[in-house]
Amino acid sequence: MQAGAARSGARIGIRCGHRPIEVRAMWTKTALPLLLVLLASSVGATDHIDAQRDASAIRSQQADIRRDVVAATPRYAHLDVASRTELLGLQDRVDGLLKNVDSTANLSERRQIELFNALESISALVNNDPGGRLECWRERPVGTSQAETRCSTARGLQAQNRTYQRVWKRAGQR
């Protein structure tokens, strides 16, 4: 089956095998407005990604959280002393990773993952949801030398570990 297309004026002729199919092009009524909407939404998404990569925005957000944690505001009342200490230590790690950096894109991939994990840990502490924390790591799948980034929630990793333990336990009983 061969496919080919030829455009002539407002009509597009498509050949699928031996049968020609003619489709009227509605470029100005449908495709062009759709394309403009998609382009506008991708610009907004790009702005959002740029904001996530802005190191000064991350530093500012962390400074606000630190100020509120130290002041023991009601938003952070659920944090016990150990959790507060852990949160402040994670923020110190974030500050160290972002020192002399304008964008997280300037960090190595390993440091980006380290930064992401620290920010996720802070988020889990702040939101009192340690199992919802997303953790990422680099690993080489079997049969390849190309490392890839993998991510999973803490809950997912715990469930996976329990499954592996059950499998090993059954294998040991045989």
N, C-alpha and C. Protein backbone atom coordinates (compact mmCIF):
# COMPACT_ATOMS: atom_id res chain seq x y z
N MET A 1 0.84 -1.16 0.00
CA MET A 1 0.00 0.00 0.00
C MET A 1 0.89 1.23 0.00
N GLN A 2 0.74 2.08 -0.96
CA GLN A 2 1.52 3.30 -1.05
C GLN A 2 0.66 4.48 -0.69
N ALA A 3 1.26 5.46 -0.08
CA ALA A 3 0.52 6.67 0.25
C ALA A 3 1.27 7.85 -0.34
N GLY A 4 0.56 8.75 -0.94
CA GLY A 4 1.17 9.94 -1.51
C GLY A 4 0.18 11.07 -1.43
N ALA A 5 0.63 12.31 -1.47
CA ALA A 5 -0.27 13.45 -1.40
C ALA A 5 0.18 14.51 -2.38
N ALA A 6 -0.79 15.16 -2.98
CA ALA A 6 -0.51 16.28 -3.89
C ALA A 6 -1.49 17.38 -3.57
N ARG A 7 -1.02 18.60 -3.43
CA ARG A 7 -1.88 19.71 -3.07
C ARG A 7 -2.11 20.58 -4.30
N SER A 8 -3.36 20.90 -4.54
CA SER A 8 -3.69 21.79 -5.64
C SER A 8 -4.80 22.73 -5.19
N GLY A 9 -4.47 23.97 -4.95
CA GLY A 9 -5.46 24.96 -4.53
C GLY A 9 -6.01 24.65 -3.17
N ALA A 10 -7.36 24.61 -3.08
CA ALA A 10 -8.02 24.36 -1.82
C ALA A 10 -8.30 22.89 -1.60
N ARG A 11 -7.88 22.03 -2.50
CA ARG A 11 -8.12 20.60 -2.38
C ARG A 11 -6.80 19.85 -2.21
N ILE A 12 -6.84 18.81 -1.41
CA ILE A 12 -5.67 17.95 -1.24
C ILE A 12 -6.05 16.58 -1.76
N GLY A 13 -5.29 16.07 -2.71
CA GLY A 13 -5.54 14.74 -3.24
C GLY A 13 -4.59 13.75 -2.60
N ILE A 14 -5.13 12.68 -2.05
CA ILE A 14 -4.33 11.66 -1.39
C ILE A 14 -4.55 10.35 -2.12
N ARG A 15 -3.48 9.67 -2.44
CA ARG A 15 -3.58 8.34 -3.06
C ARG A 15 -3.23 7.30 -2.02
N CYS A 16 -4.14 6.41 -1.79
CA CYS A 16 -3.92 5.31 -0.86
C CYS A 16 -4.05 4.03 -1.67
N GLY A 17 -2.94 3.46 -2.04
CA GLY A 17 -2.96 2.30 -2.93
C GLY A 17 -3.36 2.75 -4.32
N HIS A 18 -4.41 2.15 -4.85
CA HIS A 18 -4.87 2.51 -6.19
C HIS A 18 -6.05 3.46 -6.16
N ARG A 19 -6.60 3.74 -4.96
CA ARG A 19 -7.79 4.59 -4.88
C ARG A 19 -7.41 6.01 -4.50
N PRO A 20 -7.77 6.99 -5.33
CA PRO A 20 -7.53 8.38 -4.94
C PRO A 20 -8.61 8.85 -3.97
N ILE A 21 -8.20 9.59 -2.96
CA ILE A 21 -9.13 10.17 -1.98
C ILE A 21 -8.92 11.67 -2.01
N GLU A 22 -10.00 12.45 -2.12
CA GLU A 22 -9.89 13.90 -2.17
C GLU A 22 -10.42 14.50 -0.88
N VAL A 23 -9.65 15.34 -0.27
CA VAL A 23 -10.03 16.00 0.97
C VAL A 23 -9.96 17.50 0.75
N ARG A 24 -10.99 18.20 1.11
CA ARG A 24 -10.98 19.66 0.99
C ARG A 24 -10.18 20.24 2.16
N ALA A 25 -9.26 21.09 1.85
CA ALA A 25 -8.43 21.70 2.88
C ALA A 25 -9.18 22.86 3.51
N MET A 26 -9.30 22.84 4.82
CA MET A 26 -9.95 23.96 5.52
C MET A 26 -8.89 24.64 6.39
N TRP A 27 -7.81 25.01 5.77
CA TRP A 27 -6.68 25.59 6.44
C TRP A 27 -7.05 26.83 7.24
N THR A 28 -7.72 27.79 6.59
CA THR A 28 -7.98 29.07 7.26
C THR A 28 -9.08 28.95 8.31
N LYS A 29 -9.98 27.99 8.19
CA LYS A 29 -11.09 27.88 9.14
C LYS A 29 -10.77 26.98 10.34
N THR A 30 -9.98 25.94 10.13
CA THR A 30 -9.75 24.97 11.20
C THR A 30 -8.29 24.82 11.58
N ALA A 31 -7.46 24.49 10.64
CA ALA A 31 -6.07 24.16 10.96
C ALA A 31 -5.28 25.35 11.46
N LEU A 32 -5.42 26.52 10.82
CA LEU A 32 -4.65 27.68 11.25
C LEU A 32 -5.00 28.12 12.67
N PRO A 33 -6.31 28.28 13.02
CA PRO A 33 -6.61 28.64 14.41
C PRO A 33 -6.12 27.59 15.41
N LEU A 34 -6.25 26.31 15.06
CA LEU A 34 -5.76 25.26 15.96
C LEU A 34 -4.25 25.37 16.15
N LEU A 35 -3.53 25.60 15.07
CA LEU A 35 -2.08 25.77 15.15
C LEU A 35 -1.71 26.96 16.03
N LEU A 36 -2.43 28.07 15.90
CA LEU A 36 -2.15 29.26 16.71
C LEU A 36 -2.41 28.99 18.20
N VAL A 37 -3.48 28.26 18.50
CA VAL A 37 -3.78 27.91 19.89
C VAL A 37 -2.67 27.02 20.46
N LEU A 38 -2.24 26.03 19.68
CA LEU A 38 -1.16 25.15 20.14
C LEU A 38 0.14 25.90 20.35
N LEU A 39 0.46 26.82 19.45
CA LEU A 39 1.67 27.61 19.61
C LEU A 39 1.60 28.49 20.85
N ALA A 40 0.44 29.10 21.08
CA ALA A 40 0.28 29.97 22.26
C ALA A 40 0.41 29.16 23.55
N SER A 41 -0.15 27.94 23.57
CA SER A 41 -0.06 27.13 24.78
C SER A 41 1.36 26.65 25.00
N SER A 42 2.11 26.38 23.93
CA SER A 42 3.48 25.92 24.11
C SER A 42 4.37 27.05 24.61
N VAL A 43 4.07 28.30 24.24
CA VAL A 43 4.83 29.44 24.78
C VAL A 43 4.59 29.55 26.27
N GLY A 44 3.35 29.38 26.72
CA GLY A 44 3.05 29.42 28.15
C GLY A 44 3.75 28.30 28.90
N ALA A 45 3.79 27.11 28.29
CA ALA A 45 4.47 25.98 28.92
C ALA A 45 5.96 26.23 29.02
N THR A 46 6.52 26.86 27.99
CA THR A 46 7.94 27.19 28.01
C THR A 46 8.24 28.18 29.12
N ASP A 47 7.36 29.19 29.30
CA ASP A 47 7.55 30.15 30.38
C ASP A 47 7.51 29.46 31.73
N HIS A 48 6.60 28.48 31.90
CA HIS A 48 6.48 27.76 33.16
C HIS A 48 7.76 26.94 33.42
N ILE A 49 8.28 26.30 32.38
CA ILE A 49 9.51 25.52 32.53
C ILE A 49 10.67 26.44 32.89
N ASP A 50 10.75 27.62 32.23
CA ASP A 50 11.81 28.56 32.54
C ASP A 50 11.72 29.01 34.00
N ALA A 51 10.49 29.21 34.50
CA ALA A 51 10.32 29.62 35.90
C ALA A 51 10.78 28.52 36.84
N GLN A 52 10.56 27.26 36.47
CA GLN A 52 10.99 26.15 37.31
C GLN A 52 12.51 26.03 37.33
N ARG A 53 13.17 26.46 36.27
CA ARG A 53 14.62 26.35 36.17
C ARG A 53 15.34 27.57 36.75
N ASP A 54 14.60 28.61 37.10
CA ASP A 54 15.20 29.84 37.59
C ASP A 54 15.70 29.63 39.02
N ALA A 55 17.02 29.66 39.18
CA ALA A 55 17.63 29.39 40.48
C ALA A 55 17.26 30.46 41.51
N SER A 56 17.15 31.71 41.10
CA SER A 56 16.81 32.77 42.06
C SER A 56 15.39 32.59 42.58
N ALA A 57 14.47 32.10 41.75
CA ALA A 57 13.10 31.85 42.20
C ALA A 57 13.08 30.72 43.22
N ILE A 58 13.88 29.69 42.99
CA ILE A 58 13.95 28.57 43.93
C ILE A 58 14.55 29.05 45.25
N ARG A 59 15.63 29.84 45.16
CA ARG A 59 16.26 30.36 46.39
C ARG A 59 15.28 31.23 47.17
N SER A 60 14.52 32.06 46.47
CA SER A 60 13.55 32.95 47.11
C SER A 60 12.45 32.13 47.81
N GLN A 61 11.93 31.13 47.12
CA GLN A 61 10.89 30.28 47.70
C GLN A 61 11.42 29.58 48.95
N GLN A 62 12.63 29.05 48.89
CA GLN A 62 13.20 28.35 50.03
C GLN A 62 13.47 29.31 51.20
N ALA A 63 13.84 30.55 50.89
CA ALA A 63 14.06 31.54 51.94
C ALA A 63 12.74 31.86 52.65
N ASP A 64 11.66 31.95 51.89
CA ASP A 64 10.34 32.20 52.49
C ASP A 64 9.94 31.05 53.41
N ILE A 65 10.16 29.82 52.94
CA ILE A 65 9.82 28.65 53.76
C ILE A 65 10.68 28.62 55.02
N ARG A 66 11.98 28.88 54.87
CA ARG A 66 12.89 28.88 56.02
C ARG A 66 12.45 29.90 57.06
N ARG A 67 12.12 31.10 56.60
CA ARG A 67 11.70 32.17 57.51
C ARG A 67 10.46 31.72 58.30
N ASP A 68 9.49 31.11 57.61
CA ASP A 68 8.26 30.68 58.27
C ASP A 68 8.49 29.49 59.21
N VAL A 69 9.39 28.59 58.83
CA VAL A 69 9.69 27.44 59.70
C VAL A 69 10.38 27.90 60.97
N VAL A 70 11.36 28.78 60.84
CA VAL A 70 12.08 29.28 62.01
C VAL A 70 11.14 30.08 62.91
N ALA A 71 10.20 30.82 62.30
CA ALA A 71 9.24 31.61 63.08
C ALA A 71 8.13 30.74 63.64
N ALA A 72 8.09 29.46 63.29
CA ALA A 72 7.08 28.50 63.76
C ALA A 72 5.66 28.99 63.45
N THR A 73 5.43 29.40 62.21
CA THR A 73 4.09 29.83 61.80
C THR A 73 3.14 28.63 61.79
N PRO A 74 1.84 28.88 61.85
CA PRO A 74 0.87 27.76 61.89
C PRO A 74 0.98 26.80 60.70
N ARG A 75 1.40 27.30 59.56
CA ARG A 75 1.53 26.43 58.36
C ARG A 75 2.51 25.28 58.63
N TYR A 76 3.49 25.51 59.49
CA TYR A 76 4.52 24.51 59.75
C TYR A 76 4.45 23.96 61.18
N ALA A 77 3.30 24.13 61.84
CA ALA A 77 3.14 23.67 63.22
C ALA A 77 3.23 22.14 63.34
N HIS A 78 2.92 21.42 62.27
CA HIS A 78 2.95 19.95 62.31
C HIS A 78 4.38 19.39 62.33
N LEU A 79 5.38 20.23 62.07
CA LEU A 79 6.76 19.74 62.04
C LEU A 79 7.33 19.63 63.44
N ASP A 80 7.82 18.45 63.78
CA ASP A 80 8.51 18.30 65.07
C ASP A 80 9.95 18.79 64.91
N VAL A 81 10.72 18.76 65.97
CA VAL A 81 12.09 19.28 65.95
C VAL A 81 12.95 18.53 64.94
N ALA A 82 12.83 17.21 64.89
CA ALA A 82 13.64 16.42 63.95
C ALA A 82 13.29 16.77 62.50
N SER A 83 12.01 16.94 62.22
CA SER A 83 11.58 17.29 60.86
C SER A 83 12.05 18.68 60.47
N ARG A 84 11.98 19.61 61.42
CA ARG A 84 12.48 20.97 61.14
C ARG A 84 13.98 20.95 60.86
N THR A 85 14.70 20.19 61.65
CA THR A 85 16.15 20.10 61.44
C THR A 85 16.45 19.48 60.09
N GLU A 86 15.71 18.43 59.73
CA GLU A 86 15.90 17.79 58.42
C GLU A 86 15.58 18.77 57.30
N LEU A 87 14.48 19.50 57.43
CA LEU A 87 14.08 20.47 56.40
C LEU A 87 15.14 21.55 56.22
N LEU A 88 15.64 22.09 57.32
CA LEU A 88 16.67 23.13 57.23
C LEU A 88 17.96 22.58 56.62
N GLY A 89 18.30 21.33 56.93
CA GLY A 89 19.48 20.71 56.33
C GLY A 89 19.30 20.52 54.82
N LEU A 90 18.10 20.11 54.40
CA LEU A 90 17.81 19.98 52.97
C LEU A 90 17.89 21.33 52.26
N GLN A 91 17.40 22.36 52.93
CA GLN A 91 17.49 23.70 52.33
C GLN A 91 18.93 24.16 52.20
N ASP A 92 19.76 23.82 53.18
CA ASP A 92 21.19 24.14 53.06
C ASP A 92 21.79 23.43 51.85
N ARG A 93 21.37 22.18 51.63
CA ARG A 93 21.86 21.42 50.47
C ARG A 93 21.41 22.09 49.16
N VAL A 94 20.16 22.55 49.12
CA VAL A 94 19.64 23.24 47.93
C VAL A 94 20.44 24.52 47.69
N ASP A 95 20.68 25.28 48.76
CA ASP A 95 21.48 26.51 48.62
C ASP A 95 22.87 26.20 48.08
N GLY A 96 23.47 25.13 48.58
CA GLY A 96 24.80 24.75 48.10
C GLY A 96 24.81 24.36 46.63
N LEU A 97 23.77 23.65 46.20
CA LEU A 97 23.70 23.24 44.79
C LEU A 97 23.46 24.43 43.86
N LEU A 98 22.72 25.43 44.35
CA LEU A 98 22.37 26.57 43.51
C LEU A 98 23.34 27.74 43.63
N LYS A 99 24.40 27.57 44.43
CA LYS A 99 25.39 28.64 44.60
C LYS A 99 26.04 28.95 43.25
N ASN A 100 26.10 30.22 42.90
CA ASN A 100 26.72 30.71 41.66
C ASN A 100 26.06 30.15 40.39
N VAL A 101 24.76 29.84 40.46
CA VAL A 101 24.04 29.29 39.31
C VAL A 101 22.80 30.16 39.05
N ASP A 102 22.57 30.51 37.78
CA ASP A 102 21.40 31.29 37.41
C ASP A 102 20.22 30.41 37.05
N SER A 103 20.51 29.24 36.51
CA SER A 103 19.47 28.32 36.05
C SER A 103 19.87 26.90 36.41
N THR A 104 18.89 26.08 36.73
CA THR A 104 19.20 24.69 37.04
C THR A 104 19.69 23.95 35.80
N ALA A 105 19.44 24.51 34.63
CA ALA A 105 19.95 23.90 33.39
C ALA A 105 21.48 23.94 33.35
N ASN A 106 22.07 24.83 34.14
CA ASN A 106 23.54 24.93 34.18
C ASN A 106 24.17 23.86 35.06
N LEU A 107 23.37 23.12 35.80
CA LEU A 107 23.88 22.05 36.66
C LEU A 107 24.07 20.77 35.85
N SER A 108 24.97 19.92 36.30
CA SER A 108 25.11 18.61 35.66
C SER A 108 23.84 17.81 35.93
N GLU A 109 23.64 16.76 35.15
CA GLU A 109 22.43 15.96 35.31
C GLU A 109 22.36 15.34 36.71
N ARG A 110 23.50 14.90 37.22
CA ARG A 110 23.55 14.31 38.56
C ARG A 110 23.12 15.33 39.62
N ARG A 111 23.61 16.56 39.47
CA ARG A 111 23.26 17.61 40.44
C ARG A 111 21.80 18.05 40.28
N GLN A 112 21.28 18.03 39.05
CA GLN A 112 19.87 18.34 38.84
C GLN A 112 18.98 17.32 39.56
N ILE A 113 19.37 16.05 39.47
CA ILE A 113 18.61 15.00 40.16
C ILE A 113 18.72 15.18 41.66
N GLU A 114 19.91 15.50 42.14
CA GLU A 114 20.12 15.73 43.58
C GLU A 114 19.26 16.91 44.06
N LEU A 115 19.22 17.99 43.26
CA LEU A 115 18.40 19.15 43.60
C LEU A 115 16.93 18.78 43.61
N PHE A 116 16.49 18.06 42.58
CA PHE A 116 15.10 17.63 42.50
C PHE A 116 14.71 16.81 43.72
N ASN A 117 15.55 15.84 44.09
CA ASN A 117 15.25 15.00 45.25
C ASN A 117 15.18 15.81 46.54
N ALA A 118 16.08 16.78 46.70
CA ALA A 118 16.06 17.62 47.90
C ALA A 118 14.78 18.46 47.95
N LEU A 119 14.39 19.04 46.81
CA LEU A 119 13.17 19.85 46.76
C LEU A 119 11.93 18.98 47.00
N GLU A 120 11.93 17.76 46.49
CA GLU A 120 10.81 16.84 46.73
C GLU A 120 10.74 16.45 48.21
N SER A 121 11.89 16.26 48.84
CA SER A 121 11.91 15.92 50.27
C SER A 121 11.38 17.09 51.09
N ILE A 122 11.76 18.30 50.72
CA ILE A 122 11.25 19.49 51.41
C ILE A 122 9.74 19.57 51.24
N SER A 123 9.26 19.35 50.03
CA SER A 123 7.83 19.38 49.76
C SER A 123 7.09 18.33 50.58
N ALA A 124 7.64 17.13 50.68
CA ALA A 124 7.01 16.07 51.45
C ALA A 124 6.94 16.44 52.93
N LEU A 125 7.99 17.05 53.46
CA LEU A 125 7.98 17.47 54.86
C LEU A 125 6.96 18.58 55.09
N VAL A 126 6.95 19.56 54.21
CA VAL A 126 6.04 20.70 54.35
C VAL A 126 4.59 20.25 54.25
N ASN A 127 4.31 19.33 53.32
CA ASN A 127 2.94 18.88 53.10
C ASN A 127 2.56 17.67 53.94
N ASN A 128 3.46 17.25 54.83
CA ASN A 128 3.24 16.13 55.73
C ASN A 128 2.83 14.86 54.95
N ASP A 129 3.54 14.61 53.84
CA ASP A 129 3.26 13.45 52.99
C ASP A 129 4.57 12.78 52.57
N PRO A 130 5.24 12.09 53.50
CA PRO A 130 6.54 11.50 53.16
C PRO A 130 6.45 10.41 52.10
N GLY A 131 5.33 9.70 52.02
CA GLY A 131 5.19 8.64 51.01
C GLY A 131 4.97 9.17 49.60
N GLY A 132 4.53 10.42 49.49
CA GLY A 132 4.28 11.01 48.19
C GLY A 132 5.50 11.64 47.56
N ARG A 133 6.61 11.61 48.29
CA ARG A 133 7.86 12.21 47.79
C ARG A 133 8.35 11.43 46.58
N LEU A 134 8.64 12.15 45.51
CA LEU A 134 9.16 11.53 44.29
C LEU A 134 10.68 11.50 44.38
N GLU A 135 11.25 10.33 44.16
CA GLU A 135 12.70 10.16 44.17
C GLU A 135 13.16 9.76 42.78
N CYS A 136 14.26 10.34 42.35
CA CYS A 136 14.83 10.01 41.04
C CYS A 136 16.26 9.51 41.22
N TRP A 137 16.71 8.69 40.28
CA TRP A 137 18.06 8.16 40.29
C TRP A 137 18.45 7.80 38.87
N ARG A 138 19.74 7.61 38.67
CA ARG A 138 20.27 7.18 37.37
C ARG A 138 20.59 5.70 37.45
N GLU A 139 20.23 4.96 36.42
CA GLU A 139 20.58 3.55 36.38
C GLU A 139 20.78 3.11 34.93
N ARG A 140 21.54 2.04 34.79
CA ARG A 140 21.79 1.46 33.47
C ARG A 140 20.95 0.20 33.36
N PRO A 141 19.98 0.19 32.45
CA PRO A 141 19.19 -1.03 32.26
C PRO A 141 20.08 -2.18 31.77
N VAL A 142 19.67 -3.38 32.08
CA VAL A 142 20.42 -4.56 31.67
C VAL A 142 20.52 -4.59 30.15
N GLY A 143 21.72 -4.82 29.64
CA GLY A 143 21.93 -4.93 28.22
C GLY A 143 22.29 -3.65 27.51
N THR A 144 22.47 -2.57 28.26
CA THR A 144 22.85 -1.31 27.64
C THR A 144 23.86 -0.58 28.52
N SER A 145 24.66 0.25 27.90
CA SER A 145 25.61 1.05 28.68
C SER A 145 25.09 2.47 28.85
N GLN A 146 23.91 2.76 28.29
CA GLN A 146 23.31 4.09 28.37
C GLN A 146 22.51 4.22 29.66
N ALA A 147 22.91 5.12 30.53
CA ALA A 147 22.18 5.34 31.78
C ALA A 147 20.93 6.16 31.50
N GLU A 148 19.88 5.89 32.27
CA GLU A 148 18.66 6.67 32.14
C GLU A 148 18.17 7.08 33.52
N THR A 149 17.38 8.13 33.55
CA THR A 149 16.83 8.63 34.81
C THR A 149 15.52 7.93 35.08
N ARG A 150 15.36 7.41 36.28
CA ARG A 150 14.13 6.74 36.70
C ARG A 150 13.61 7.46 37.92
N CYS A 151 12.30 7.53 38.06
CA CYS A 151 11.68 8.19 39.21
C CYS A 151 10.53 7.33 39.74
N SER A 152 10.31 7.41 41.04
CA SER A 152 9.20 6.71 41.68
C SER A 152 8.90 7.40 43.00
N THR A 153 7.68 7.27 43.46
CA THR A 153 7.34 7.82 44.77
C THR A 153 7.94 6.94 45.85
N ALA A 154 8.10 7.49 47.02
CA ALA A 154 8.62 6.72 48.16
C ALA A 154 7.69 5.55 48.46
N ARG A 155 6.37 5.77 48.36
CA ARG A 155 5.40 4.70 48.56
C ARG A 155 5.60 3.59 47.54
N GLY A 156 5.81 3.98 46.28
CA GLY A 156 6.03 3.00 45.21
C GLY A 156 7.29 2.19 45.43
N LEU A 157 8.35 2.84 45.88
CA LEU A 157 9.61 2.14 46.15
C LEU A 157 9.45 1.15 47.31
N GLN A 158 8.70 1.56 48.34
CA GLN A 158 8.48 0.67 49.47
C GLN A 158 7.67 -0.56 49.03
N ALA A 159 6.65 -0.33 48.20
CA ALA A 159 5.84 -1.44 47.71
C ALA A 159 6.69 -2.38 46.84
N GLN A 160 7.54 -1.81 46.01
CA GLN A 160 8.42 -2.61 45.16
C GLN A 160 9.38 -3.43 46.02
N ASN A 161 9.93 -2.83 47.06
CA ASN A 161 10.84 -3.55 47.96
C ASN A 161 10.13 -4.69 48.67
N ARG A 162 8.89 -4.46 49.11
CA ARG A 162 8.12 -5.54 49.76
C ARG A 162 7.89 -6.69 48.78
N THR A 163 7.58 -6.36 47.53
CA THR A 163 7.37 -7.39 46.51
C THR A 163 8.64 -8.19 46.30
N TYR A 164 9.78 -7.49 46.16
CA TYR A 164 11.06 -8.19 45.97
C TYR A 164 11.37 -9.09 47.16
N GLN A 165 11.09 -8.63 48.38
CA GLN A 165 11.35 -9.45 49.56
C GLN A 165 10.49 -10.70 49.56
N ARG A 166 9.21 -10.56 49.17
CA ARG A 166 8.33 -11.74 49.09
C ARG A 166 8.85 -12.73 48.05
N VAL A 167 9.27 -12.23 46.90
CA VAL A 167 9.79 -13.10 45.84
C VAL A 167 11.04 -13.83 46.32
N TRP A 168 11.97 -13.12 46.95
CA TRP A 168 13.19 -13.75 47.45
C TRP A 168 12.89 -14.76 48.54
N LYS A 169 11.90 -14.43 49.39
CA LYS A 169 11.53 -15.34 50.46
C LYS A 169 10.96 -16.64 49.88
N ARG A 170 10.09 -16.50 48.86
CA ARG A 170 9.52 -17.71 48.21
C ARG A 170 10.60 -18.50 47.50
N ALA A 171 11.52 -17.81 46.85
CA ALA A 171 12.60 -18.51 46.14
C ALA A 171 13.50 -19.26 47.12
N GLY A 172 13.70 -18.71 48.31
CA GLY A 172 14.52 -19.37 49.33
C GLY A 172 13.85 -20.57 49.96
N GLN A 173 12.51 -20.63 49.90
CA GLN A 173 11.77 -21.73 50.49
C GLN A 173 11.70 -22.95 49.59
N ARG A 174 12.08 -22.81 48.33
CA ARG A 174 11.99 -23.95 47.40
C ARG A 174 13.13 -24.90 47.58
